Amino acid sequence: MPKTIREMKKALLIAFAVIILTGCTEKERARSLGGSSEIKLEKGQRLLEVTWKGNDIWLLTEPMDSDYQPRTKTFYEDSAWGLYEGKITIIESR
């Protein structure tokens, strides 16, 4: 049991961080707290566009042409202050 106000604050901060980190998906953490996440598209789909709407990520895809070479694409934040910059890597495959 915490004995001082400082220890109580530290315990509350740790509890809050645990709740936040376990209550978010990997993509939400990458967007809100920085870090990275990976999305593997369905085989044969290529990425055209990606965007956030609220806490959800929306992907616009289409079937690959027969001569299209699958690529790995990165959707990232470049924030003004350089803090909590998130990155989503999107992987295409045949």
PDB file of N, CA and C in Angstrom:
ATOM      1  N   MET A   1       0.851  -1.185   0.000  1.00  0.00           N
ATOM      2  CA  MET A   1       0.000   0.000   0.000  1.00  0.00           C
ATOM      3  C   MET A   1       0.892   1.241   0.000  1.00  0.00           C
ATOM      4  N   PRO A   2       0.605   2.204  -0.936  1.00  0.00           N
ATOM      5  CA  PRO A   2       1.413   3.421  -0.980  1.00  0.00           C
ATOM      6  C   PRO A   2       1.351   4.196   0.329  1.00  0.00           C
ATOM      7  N   LYS A   3       2.489   4.742   0.734  1.00  0.00           N
ATOM      8  CA  LYS A   3       2.564   5.428   2.018  1.00  0.00           C
ATOM      9  C   LYS A   3       2.550   6.947   1.869  1.00  0.00           C
ATOM     10  N   THR A   4       3.076   7.454   0.772  1.00  0.00           N
ATOM     11  CA  THR A   4       3.138   8.899   0.616  1.00  0.00           C
ATOM     12  C   THR A   4       2.291   9.323  -0.576  1.00  0.00           C
ATOM     13  N   ILE A   5       2.039  10.613  -0.666  1.00  0.00           N
ATOM     14  CA  ILE A   5       1.265  11.143  -1.787  1.00  0.00           C
ATOM     15  C   ILE A   5       2.009  10.882  -3.097  1.00  0.00           C
ATOM     16  N   ARG A   6       3.319  11.024  -3.067  1.00  0.00           N
ATOM     17  CA  ARG A   6       4.119  10.773  -4.279  1.00  0.00           C
ATOM     18  C   ARG A   6       3.962   9.315  -4.731  1.00  0.00           C
ATOM     19  N   GLU A   7       4.011   8.369  -3.802  1.00  0.00           N
ATOM     20  CA  GLU A   7       3.838   6.959  -4.149  1.00  0.00           C
ATOM     21  C   GLU A   7       2.430   6.695  -4.652  1.00  0.00           C
ATOM     22  N   MET A   8       1.433   7.364  -4.070  1.00  0.00           N
ATOM     23  CA  MET A   8       0.050   7.199  -4.532  1.00  0.00           C
ATOM     24  C   MET A   8      -0.102   7.732  -5.960  1.00  0.00           C
ATOM     25  N   LYS A   9       0.499   8.876  -6.249  1.00  0.00           N
ATOM     26  CA  LYS A   9       0.434   9.433  -7.595  1.00  0.00           C
ATOM     27  C   LYS A   9       1.100   8.502  -8.595  1.00  0.00           C
ATOM     28  N   LYS A  10       2.243   7.966  -8.197  1.00  0.00           N
ATOM     29  CA  LYS A  10       2.958   7.039  -9.074  1.00  0.00           C
ATOM     30  C   LYS A  10       2.117   5.789  -9.341  1.00  0.00           C
ATOM     31  N   ALA A  11       1.487   5.241  -8.308  1.00  0.00           N
ATOM     32  CA  ALA A  11       0.642   4.061  -8.455  1.00  0.00           C
ATOM     33  C   ALA A  11      -0.559   4.355  -9.354  1.00  0.00           C
ATOM     34  N   LEU A  12      -1.174   5.527  -9.186  1.00  0.00           N
ATOM     35  CA  LEU A  12      -2.308   5.910 -10.030  1.00  0.00           C
ATOM     36  C   LEU A  12      -1.885   6.096 -11.476  1.00  0.00           C
ATOM     37  N   LEU A  13      -0.723   6.697 -11.701  1.00  0.00           N
ATOM     38  CA  LEU A  13      -0.214   6.889 -13.051  1.00  0.00           C
ATOM     39  C   LEU A  13       0.044   5.548 -13.735  1.00  0.00           C
ATOM     40  N   ILE A  14       0.632   4.622 -13.027  1.00  0.00           N
ATOM     41  CA  ILE A  14       0.888   3.289 -13.576  1.00  0.00           C
ATOM     42  C   ILE A  14      -0.430   2.588 -13.891  1.00  0.00           C
ATOM     43  N   ALA A  15      -1.385   2.658 -12.984  1.00  0.00           N
ATOM     44  CA  ALA A  15      -2.688   2.030 -13.221  1.00  0.00           C
ATOM     45  C   ALA A  15      -3.369   2.646 -14.442  1.00  0.00           C
ATOM     46  N   PHE A  16      -3.311   3.970 -14.556  1.00  0.00           N
ATOM     47  CA  PHE A  16      -3.907   4.664 -15.694  1.00  0.00           C
ATOM     48  C   PHE A  16      -3.253   4.227 -16.998  1.00  0.00           C
ATOM     49  N   ALA A  17      -1.925   4.131 -17.016  1.00  0.00           N
ATOM     50  CA  ALA A  17      -1.200   3.716 -18.215  1.00  0.00           C
ATOM     51  C   ALA A  17      -1.570   2.298 -18.620  1.00  0.00           C
ATOM     52  N   VAL A  18      -1.694   1.407 -17.649  1.00  0.00           N
ATOM     53  CA  VAL A  18      -2.079   0.025 -17.940  1.00  0.00           C
ATOM     54  C   VAL A  18      -3.477  -0.020 -18.550  1.00  0.00           C
ATOM     55  N   ILE A  19      -4.403   0.739 -17.998  1.00  0.00           N
ATOM     56  CA  ILE A  19      -5.770   0.768 -18.529  1.00  0.00           C
ATOM     57  C   ILE A  19      -5.784   1.310 -19.952  1.00  0.00           C
ATOM     58  N   ILE A  20      -5.068   2.391 -20.191  1.00  0.00           N
ATOM     59  CA  ILE A  20      -5.011   2.988 -21.525  1.00  0.00           C
ATOM     60  C   ILE A  20      -4.405   2.007 -22.528  1.00  0.00           C
ATOM     61  N   LEU A  21      -3.283   1.413 -22.186  1.00  0.00           N
ATOM     62  CA  LEU A  21      -2.588   0.537 -23.122  1.00  0.00           C
ATOM     63  C   LEU A  21      -3.333  -0.761 -23.391  1.00  0.00           C
ATOM     64  N   THR A  22      -4.055  -1.275 -22.426  1.00  0.00           N
ATOM     65  CA  THR A  22      -4.794  -2.515 -22.654  1.00  0.00           C
ATOM     66  C   THR A  22      -6.156  -2.261 -23.257  1.00  0.00           C
ATOM     67  N   GLY A  23      -6.650  -1.032 -23.191  1.00  0.00           N
ATOM     68  CA  GLY A  23      -7.962  -0.708 -23.733  1.00  0.00           C
ATOM     69  C   GLY A  23      -7.924  -0.253 -25.176  1.00  0.00           C
ATOM     70  N   CYS A  24      -6.753  -0.152 -25.772  1.00  0.00           N
ATOM     71  CA  CYS A  24      -6.610   0.315 -27.146  1.00  0.00           C
ATOM     72  C   CYS A  24      -6.117  -0.813 -28.034  1.00  0.00           C
ATOM     73  N   THR A  25      -6.501  -0.748 -29.310  1.00  0.00           N
ATOM     74  CA  THR A  25      -5.927  -1.689 -30.256  1.00  0.00           C
ATOM     75  C   THR A  25      -4.538  -1.201 -30.647  1.00  0.00           C
ATOM     76  N   GLU A  26      -3.797  -2.049 -31.299  1.00  0.00           N
ATOM     77  CA  GLU A  26      -2.440  -1.688 -31.726  1.00  0.00           C
ATOM     78  C   GLU A  26      -2.464  -0.462 -32.635  1.00  0.00           C
ATOM     79  N   LYS A  27      -3.456  -0.382 -33.529  1.00  0.00           N
ATOM     80  CA  LYS A  27      -3.557   0.751 -34.446  1.00  0.00           C
ATOM     81  C   LYS A  27      -3.902   2.034 -33.704  1.00  0.00           C
ATOM     82  N   GLU A  28      -4.783   1.944 -32.720  1.00  0.00           N
ATOM     83  CA  GLU A  28      -5.137   3.118 -31.920  1.00  0.00           C
ATOM     84  C   GLU A  28      -3.935   3.621 -31.123  1.00  0.00           C
ATOM     85  N   ARG A  29      -3.144   2.690 -30.571  1.00  0.00           N
ATOM     86  CA  ARG A  29      -1.941   3.090 -29.834  1.00  0.00           C
ATOM     87  C   ARG A  29      -0.949   3.768 -30.758  1.00  0.00           C
ATOM     88  N   ALA A  30      -0.779   3.235 -31.977  1.00  0.00           N
ATOM     89  CA  ALA A  30       0.148   3.844 -32.928  1.00  0.00           C
ATOM     90  C   ALA A  30      -0.299   5.256 -33.277  1.00  0.00           C
ATOM     91  N   ARG A  31      -1.592   5.449 -33.403  1.00  0.00           N
ATOM     92  CA  ARG A  31      -2.101   6.771 -33.769  1.00  0.00           C
ATOM     93  C   ARG A  31      -2.050   7.735 -32.589  1.00  0.00           C
ATOM     94  N   SER A  32      -2.496   7.293 -31.425  1.00  0.00           N
ATOM     95  CA  SER A  32      -2.626   8.191 -30.282  1.00  0.00           C
ATOM     96  C   SER A  32      -1.347   8.369 -29.479  1.00  0.00           C
ATOM     97  N   LEU A  33      -0.576   7.305 -29.341  1.00  0.00           N
ATOM     98  CA  LEU A  33       0.587   7.340 -28.456  1.00  0.00           C
ATOM     99  C   LEU A  33       1.915   7.205 -29.181  1.00  0.00           C
ATOM    100  N   GLY A  34       1.874   7.069 -30.494  1.00  0.00           N
ATOM    101  CA  GLY A  34       3.093   6.833 -31.254  1.00  0.00           C
ATOM    102  C   GLY A  34       3.371   5.347 -31.335  1.00  0.00           C
ATOM    103  N   GLY A  35       4.389   4.983 -32.046  1.00  0.00           N
ATOM    104  CA  GLY A  35       4.704   3.577 -32.229  1.00  0.00           C
ATOM    105  C   GLY A  35       4.320   3.135 -33.617  1.00  0.00           C
ATOM    106  N   SER A  36       4.230   1.835 -33.810  1.00  0.00           N
ATOM    107  CA  SER A  36       3.939   1.343 -35.153  1.00  0.00           C
ATOM    108  C   SER A  36       3.001   0.155 -35.110  1.00  0.00           C
ATOM    109  N   SER A  37       2.365  -0.083 -36.250  1.00  0.00           N
ATOM    110  CA  SER A  37       1.445  -1.193 -36.423  1.00  0.00           C
ATOM    111  C   SER A  37       1.583  -1.667 -37.866  1.00  0.00           C
ATOM    112  N   GLU A  38       1.102  -2.875 -38.134  1.00  0.00           N
ATOM    113  CA  GLU A  38       1.241  -3.470 -39.455  1.00  0.00           C
ATOM    114  C   GLU A  38      -0.110  -4.013 -39.907  1.00  0.00           C
ATOM    115  N   ILE A  39      -0.440  -3.779 -41.178  1.00  0.00           N
ATOM    116  CA  ILE A  39      -1.664  -4.314 -41.771  1.00  0.00           C
ATOM    117  C   ILE A  39      -1.267  -5.113 -42.998  1.00  0.00           C
ATOM    118  N   LYS A  40      -1.721  -6.359 -43.064  1.00  0.00           N
ATOM    119  CA  LYS A  40      -1.485  -7.190 -44.242  1.00  0.00           C
ATOM    120  C   LYS A  40      -2.792  -7.249 -45.022  1.00  0.00           C
ATOM    121  N   LEU A  41      -2.755  -6.732 -46.249  1.00  0.00           N
ATOM    122  CA  LEU A  41      -3.945  -6.743 -47.088  1.00  0.00           C
ATOM    123  C   LEU A  41      -4.249  -8.162 -47.546  1.00  0.00           C
ATOM    124  N   GLU A  42      -5.493  -8.367 -47.960  1.00  0.00           N
ATOM    125  CA  GLU A  42      -5.861  -9.660 -48.542  1.00  0.00           C
ATOM    126  C   GLU A  42      -4.988  -9.903 -49.762  1.00  0.00           C
ATOM    127  N   LYS A  43      -4.657 -11.156 -50.014  1.00  0.00           N
ATOM    128  CA  LYS A  43      -3.834 -11.493 -51.173  1.00  0.00           C
ATOM    129  C   LYS A  43      -4.517 -10.994 -52.444  1.00  0.00           C
ATOM    130  N   GLY A  44      -3.700 -10.394 -53.316  1.00  0.00           N
ATOM    131  CA  GLY A  44      -4.213  -9.911 -54.594  1.00  0.00           C
ATOM    132  C   GLY A  44      -4.830  -8.517 -54.538  1.00  0.00           C
ATOM    133  N   GLN A  45      -4.807  -7.865 -53.382  1.00  0.00           N
ATOM    134  CA  GLN A  45      -5.350  -6.512 -53.244  1.00  0.00           C
ATOM    135  C   GLN A  45      -4.208  -5.504 -53.171  1.00  0.00           C
ATOM    136  N   ARG A  46      -4.379  -4.366 -53.843  1.00  0.00           N
ATOM    137  CA  ARG A  46      -3.382  -3.298 -53.758  1.00  0.00           C
ATOM    138  C   ARG A  46      -4.007  -2.079 -53.102  1.00  0.00           C
ATOM    139  N   LEU A  47      -3.197  -1.351 -52.373  1.00  0.00           N
ATOM    140  CA  LEU A  47      -3.648  -0.176 -51.646  1.00  0.00           C
ATOM    141  C   LEU A  47      -3.682   1.036 -52.566  1.00  0.00           C
ATOM    142  N   LEU A  48      -4.807   1.755 -52.529  1.00  0.00           N
ATOM    143  CA  LEU A  48      -4.924   3.004 -53.273  1.00  0.00           C
ATOM    144  C   LEU A  48      -4.897   4.212 -52.345  1.00  0.00           C
ATOM    145  N   GLU A  49      -5.562   4.102 -51.197  1.00  0.00           N
ATOM    146  CA  GLU A  49      -5.686   5.242 -50.280  1.00  0.00           C
ATOM    147  C   GLU A  49      -5.875   4.715 -48.860  1.00  0.00           C
ATOM    148  N   VAL A  50      -5.424   5.496 -47.891  1.00  0.00           N
ATOM    149  CA  VAL A  50      -5.604   5.160 -46.482  1.00  0.00           C
ATOM    150  C   VAL A  50      -5.869   6.452 -45.720  1.00  0.00           C
ATOM    151  N   THR A  51      -6.782   6.400 -44.740  1.00  0.00           N
ATOM    152  CA  THR A  51      -7.089   7.573 -43.937  1.00  0.00           C
ATOM    153  C   THR A  51      -7.671   7.135 -42.601  1.00  0.00           C
ATOM    154  N   TRP A  52      -7.685   8.051 -41.650  1.00  0.00           N
ATOM    155  CA  TRP A  52      -8.304   7.821 -40.349  1.00  0.00           C
ATOM    156  C   TRP A  52      -9.670   8.487 -40.324  1.00  0.00           C
ATOM    157  N   LYS A  53     -10.630   7.856 -39.684  1.00  0.00           N
ATOM    158  CA  LYS A  53     -11.919   8.479 -39.365  1.00  0.00           C
ATOM    159  C   LYS A  53     -12.186   8.124 -37.911  1.00  0.00           C
ATOM    160  N   GLY A  54     -12.040   9.106 -37.033  1.00  0.00           N
ATOM    161  CA  GLY A  54     -12.135   8.819 -35.605  1.00  0.00           C
ATOM    162  C   GLY A  54     -10.991   7.904 -35.208  1.00  0.00           C
ATOM    163  N   ASN A  55     -11.321   6.794 -34.562  1.00  0.00           N
ATOM    164  CA  ASN A  55     -10.296   5.824 -34.158  1.00  0.00           C
ATOM    165  C   ASN A  55     -10.126   4.698 -35.167  1.00  0.00           C
ATOM    166  N   ASP A  56     -10.840   4.778 -36.281  1.00  0.00           N
ATOM    167  CA  ASP A  56     -10.798   3.712 -37.277  1.00  0.00           C
ATOM    168  C   ASP A  56      -9.928   4.099 -38.462  1.00  0.00           C
ATOM    169  N   ILE A  57      -9.256   3.105 -39.027  1.00  0.00           N
ATOM    170  CA  ILE A  57      -8.463   3.331 -40.228  1.00  0.00           C
ATOM    171  C   ILE A  57      -9.252   2.747 -41.405  1.00  0.00           C
ATOM    172  N   TRP A  58      -9.357   3.531 -42.470  1.00  0.00           N
ATOM    173  CA  TRP A  58     -10.075   3.119 -43.670  1.00  0.00           C
ATOM    174  C   TRP A  58      -9.074   2.929 -44.796  1.00  0.00           C
ATOM    175  N   LEU A  59      -9.206   1.805 -45.510  1.00  0.00           N
ATOM    176  CA  LEU A  59      -8.301   1.475 -46.609  1.00  0.00           C
ATOM    177  C   LEU A  59      -9.111   1.342 -47.893  1.00  0.00           C
ATOM    178  N   LEU A  60      -8.660   1.999 -48.957  1.00  0.00           N
ATOM    179  CA  LEU A  60      -9.256   1.838 -50.274  1.00  0.00           C
ATOM    180  C   LEU A  60      -8.341   0.910 -51.052  1.00  0.00           C
ATOM    181  N   THR A  61      -8.867  -0.230 -51.474  1.00  0.00           N
ATOM    182  CA  THR A  61      -8.065  -1.214 -52.199  1.00  0.00           C
ATOM    183  C   THR A  61      -8.763  -1.584 -53.497  1.00  0.00           C
ATOM    184  N   GLU A  62      -8.027  -2.243 -54.376  1.00  0.00           N
ATOM    185  CA  GLU A  62      -8.584  -2.793 -55.607  1.00  0.00           C
ATOM    186  C   GLU A  62      -7.763  -4.025 -55.970  1.00  0.00           C
ATOM    187  N   PRO A  63      -8.313  -4.901 -56.808  1.00  0.00           N
ATOM    188  CA  PRO A  63      -7.543  -6.067 -57.234  1.00  0.00           C
ATOM    189  C   PRO A  63      -6.302  -5.630 -58.020  1.00  0.00           C
ATOM    190  N   MET A  64      -5.222  -6.377 -57.832  1.00  0.00           N
ATOM    191  CA  MET A  64      -3.975  -6.094 -58.551  1.00  0.00           C
ATOM    192  C   MET A  64      -4.114  -6.509 -60.013  1.00  0.00           C
ATOM    193  N   ASP A  65      -3.499  -5.716 -60.906  1.00  0.00           N
ATOM    194  CA  ASP A  65      -3.359  -6.143 -62.299  1.00  0.00           C
ATOM    195  C   ASP A  65      -2.338  -7.280 -62.334  1.00  0.00           C
ATOM    196  N   SER A  66      -2.348  -8.068 -63.395  1.00  0.00           N
ATOM    197  CA  SER A  66      -1.456  -9.232 -63.467  1.00  0.00           C
ATOM    198  C   SER A  66       0.019  -8.839 -63.467  1.00  0.00           C
ATOM    199  N   ASP A  67       0.363  -7.647 -63.971  1.00  0.00           N
ATOM    200  CA  ASP A  67       1.765  -7.241 -64.007  1.00  0.00           C
ATOM    201  C   ASP A  67       2.180  -6.351 -62.823  1.00  0.00           C
ATOM    202  N   TYR A  68       1.280  -6.132 -61.884  1.00  0.00           N
ATOM    203  CA  TYR A  68       1.573  -5.288 -60.723  1.00  0.00           C
ATOM    204  C   TYR A  68       2.473  -6.030 -59.738  1.00  0.00           C
ATOM    205  N   GLN A  69       3.503  -5.351 -59.249  1.00  0.00           N
ATOM    206  CA  GLN A  69       4.397  -5.928 -58.249  1.00  0.00           C
ATOM    207  C   GLN A  69       3.954  -5.455 -56.862  1.00  0.00           C
ATOM    208  N   PRO A  70       3.618  -6.379 -55.948  1.00  0.00           N
ATOM    209  CA  PRO A  70       3.201  -5.988 -54.595  1.00  0.00           C
ATOM    210  C   PRO A  70       4.260  -5.124 -53.911  1.00  0.00           C
ATOM    211  N   ARG A  71       3.787  -4.186 -53.108  1.00  0.00           N
ATOM    212  CA  ARG A  71       4.677  -3.257 -52.415  1.00  0.00           C
ATOM    213  C   ARG A  71       4.331  -3.201 -50.934  1.00  0.00           C
ATOM    214  N   THR A  72       5.255  -2.667 -50.170  1.00  0.00           N
ATOM    215  CA  THR A  72       5.011  -2.350 -48.766  1.00  0.00           C
ATOM    216  C   THR A  72       4.972  -0.830 -48.682  1.00  0.00           C
ATOM    217  N   LYS A  73       3.898  -0.303 -48.077  1.00  0.00           N
ATOM    218  CA  LYS A  73       3.704   1.145 -48.012  1.00  0.00           C
ATOM    219  C   LYS A  73       3.605   1.576 -46.561  1.00  0.00           C
ATOM    220  N   THR A  74       4.031   2.804 -46.286  1.00  0.00           N
ATOM    221  CA  THR A  74       4.032   3.314 -44.922  1.00  0.00           C
ATOM    222  C   THR A  74       3.181   4.576 -44.834  1.00  0.00           C
ATOM    223  N   PHE A  75       2.252   4.571 -43.884  1.00  0.00           N
ATOM    224  CA  PHE A  75       1.370   5.695 -43.581  1.00  0.00           C
ATOM    225  C   PHE A  75       1.824   6.202 -42.221  1.00  0.00           C
ATOM    226  N   TYR A  76       2.317   7.431 -42.169  1.00  0.00           N
ATOM    227  CA  TYR A  76       2.889   7.896 -40.909  1.00  0.00           C
ATOM    228  C   TYR A  76       2.500   9.335 -40.621  1.00  0.00           C
ATOM    229  N   GLU A  77       2.640   9.674 -39.357  1.00  0.00           N
ATOM    230  CA  GLU A  77       2.364  11.022 -38.880  1.00  0.00           C
ATOM    231  C   GLU A  77       3.669  11.794 -38.783  1.00  0.00           C
ATOM    232  N   ASP A  78       3.645  13.013 -39.257  1.00  0.00           N
ATOM    233  CA  ASP A  78       4.768  13.921 -39.107  1.00  0.00           C
ATOM    234  C   ASP A  78       4.247  15.116 -38.309  1.00  0.00           C
ATOM    235  N   SER A  79       4.256  14.988 -36.979  1.00  0.00           N
ATOM    236  CA  SER A  79       3.640  16.009 -36.135  1.00  0.00           C
ATOM    237  C   SER A  79       4.539  17.236 -36.001  1.00  0.00           C
ATOM    238  N   ALA A  80       3.896  18.361 -35.687  1.00  0.00           N
ATOM    239  CA  ALA A  80       4.618  19.630 -35.565  1.00  0.00           C
ATOM    240  C   ALA A  80       5.688  19.580 -34.474  1.00  0.00           C
ATOM    241  N   TRP A  81       5.402  18.895 -33.384  1.00  0.00           N
ATOM    242  CA  TRP A  81       6.334  18.855 -32.255  1.00  0.00           C
ATOM    243  C   TRP A  81       7.214  17.613 -32.254  1.00  0.00           C
ATOM    244  N   GLY A  82       6.928  16.661 -33.140  1.00  0.00           N
ATOM    245  CA  GLY A  82       7.743  15.451 -33.205  1.00  0.00           C
ATOM    246  C   GLY A  82       7.481  14.466 -32.086  1.00  0.00           C
ATOM    247  N   LEU A  83       6.364  14.631 -31.380  1.00  0.00           N
ATOM    248  CA  LEU A  83       6.021  13.724 -30.292  1.00  0.00           C
ATOM    249  C   LEU A  83       4.904  12.787 -30.723  1.00  0.00           C
ATOM    250  N   TYR A  84       4.909  11.600 -30.202  1.00  0.00           N
ATOM    251  CA  TYR A  84       3.846  10.622 -30.440  1.00  0.00           C
ATOM    252  C   TYR A  84       3.594  10.380 -31.918  1.00  0.00           C
ATOM    253  N   GLU A  85       4.625  10.304 -32.705  1.00  0.00           N
ATOM    254  CA  GLU A  85       4.457  10.058 -34.127  1.00  0.00           C
ATOM    255  C   GLU A  85       4.220   8.578 -34.367  1.00  0.00           C
ATOM    256  N   GLY A  86       3.086   8.267 -35.003  1.00  0.00           N
ATOM    257  CA  GLY A  86       2.722   6.890 -35.274  1.00  0.00           C
ATOM    258  C   GLY A  86       3.039   6.496 -36.698  1.00  0.00           C
ATOM    259  N   LYS A  87       3.097   5.182 -36.931  1.00  0.00           N
ATOM    260  CA  LYS A  87       3.403   4.661 -38.261  1.00  0.00           C
ATOM    261  C   LYS A  87       2.620   3.374 -38.474  1.00  0.00           C
ATOM    262  N   ILE A  88       1.939   3.287 -39.625  1.00  0.00           N
ATOM    263  CA  ILE A  88       1.236   2.075 -40.018  1.00  0.00           C
ATOM    264  C   ILE A  88       1.895   1.567 -41.294  1.00  0.00           C
ATOM    265  N   THR A  89       2.366   0.334 -41.289  1.00  0.00           N
ATOM    266  CA  THR A  89       2.962  -0.286 -42.462  1.00  0.00           C
ATOM    267  C   THR A  89       1.916  -1.189 -43.091  1.00  0.00           C
ATOM    268  N   ILE A  90       1.689  -1.000 -44.396  1.00  0.00           N
ATOM    269  CA  ILE A  90       0.666  -1.760 -45.114  1.00  0.00           C
ATOM    270  C   ILE A  90       1.371  -2.645 -46.134  1.00  0.00           C
ATOM    271  N   ILE A  91       1.113  -3.950 -46.050  1.00  0.00           N
ATOM    272  CA  ILE A  91       1.831  -4.929 -46.868  1.00  0.00           C
ATOM    273  C   ILE A  91       0.883  -5.566 -47.876  1.00  0.00           C
ATOM    274  N   GLU A  92       1.248  -5.461 -49.142  1.00  0.00           N
ATOM    275  CA  GLU A  92       0.493  -6.106 -50.218  1.00  0.00           C
ATOM    276  C   GLU A  92       1.162  -7.445 -50.529  1.00  0.00           C
ATOM    277  N   SER A  93       0.376  -8.408 -51.037  1.00  0.00           N
ATOM    278  CA  SER A  93       0.959  -9.688 -51.442  1.00  0.00           C
ATOM    279  C   SER A  93       0.074 -10.346 -52.502  1.00  0.00           C
ATOM    280  N   ARG A  94       0.652 -11.236 -53.236  1.00  0.00           N
ATOM    281  CA  ARG A  94      -0.084 -12.005 -54.276  1.00  0.00           C
ATOM    282  C   ARG A  94      -0.670 -13.247 -53.694  1.00  0.00           C
TER     283      ARG A  94
END
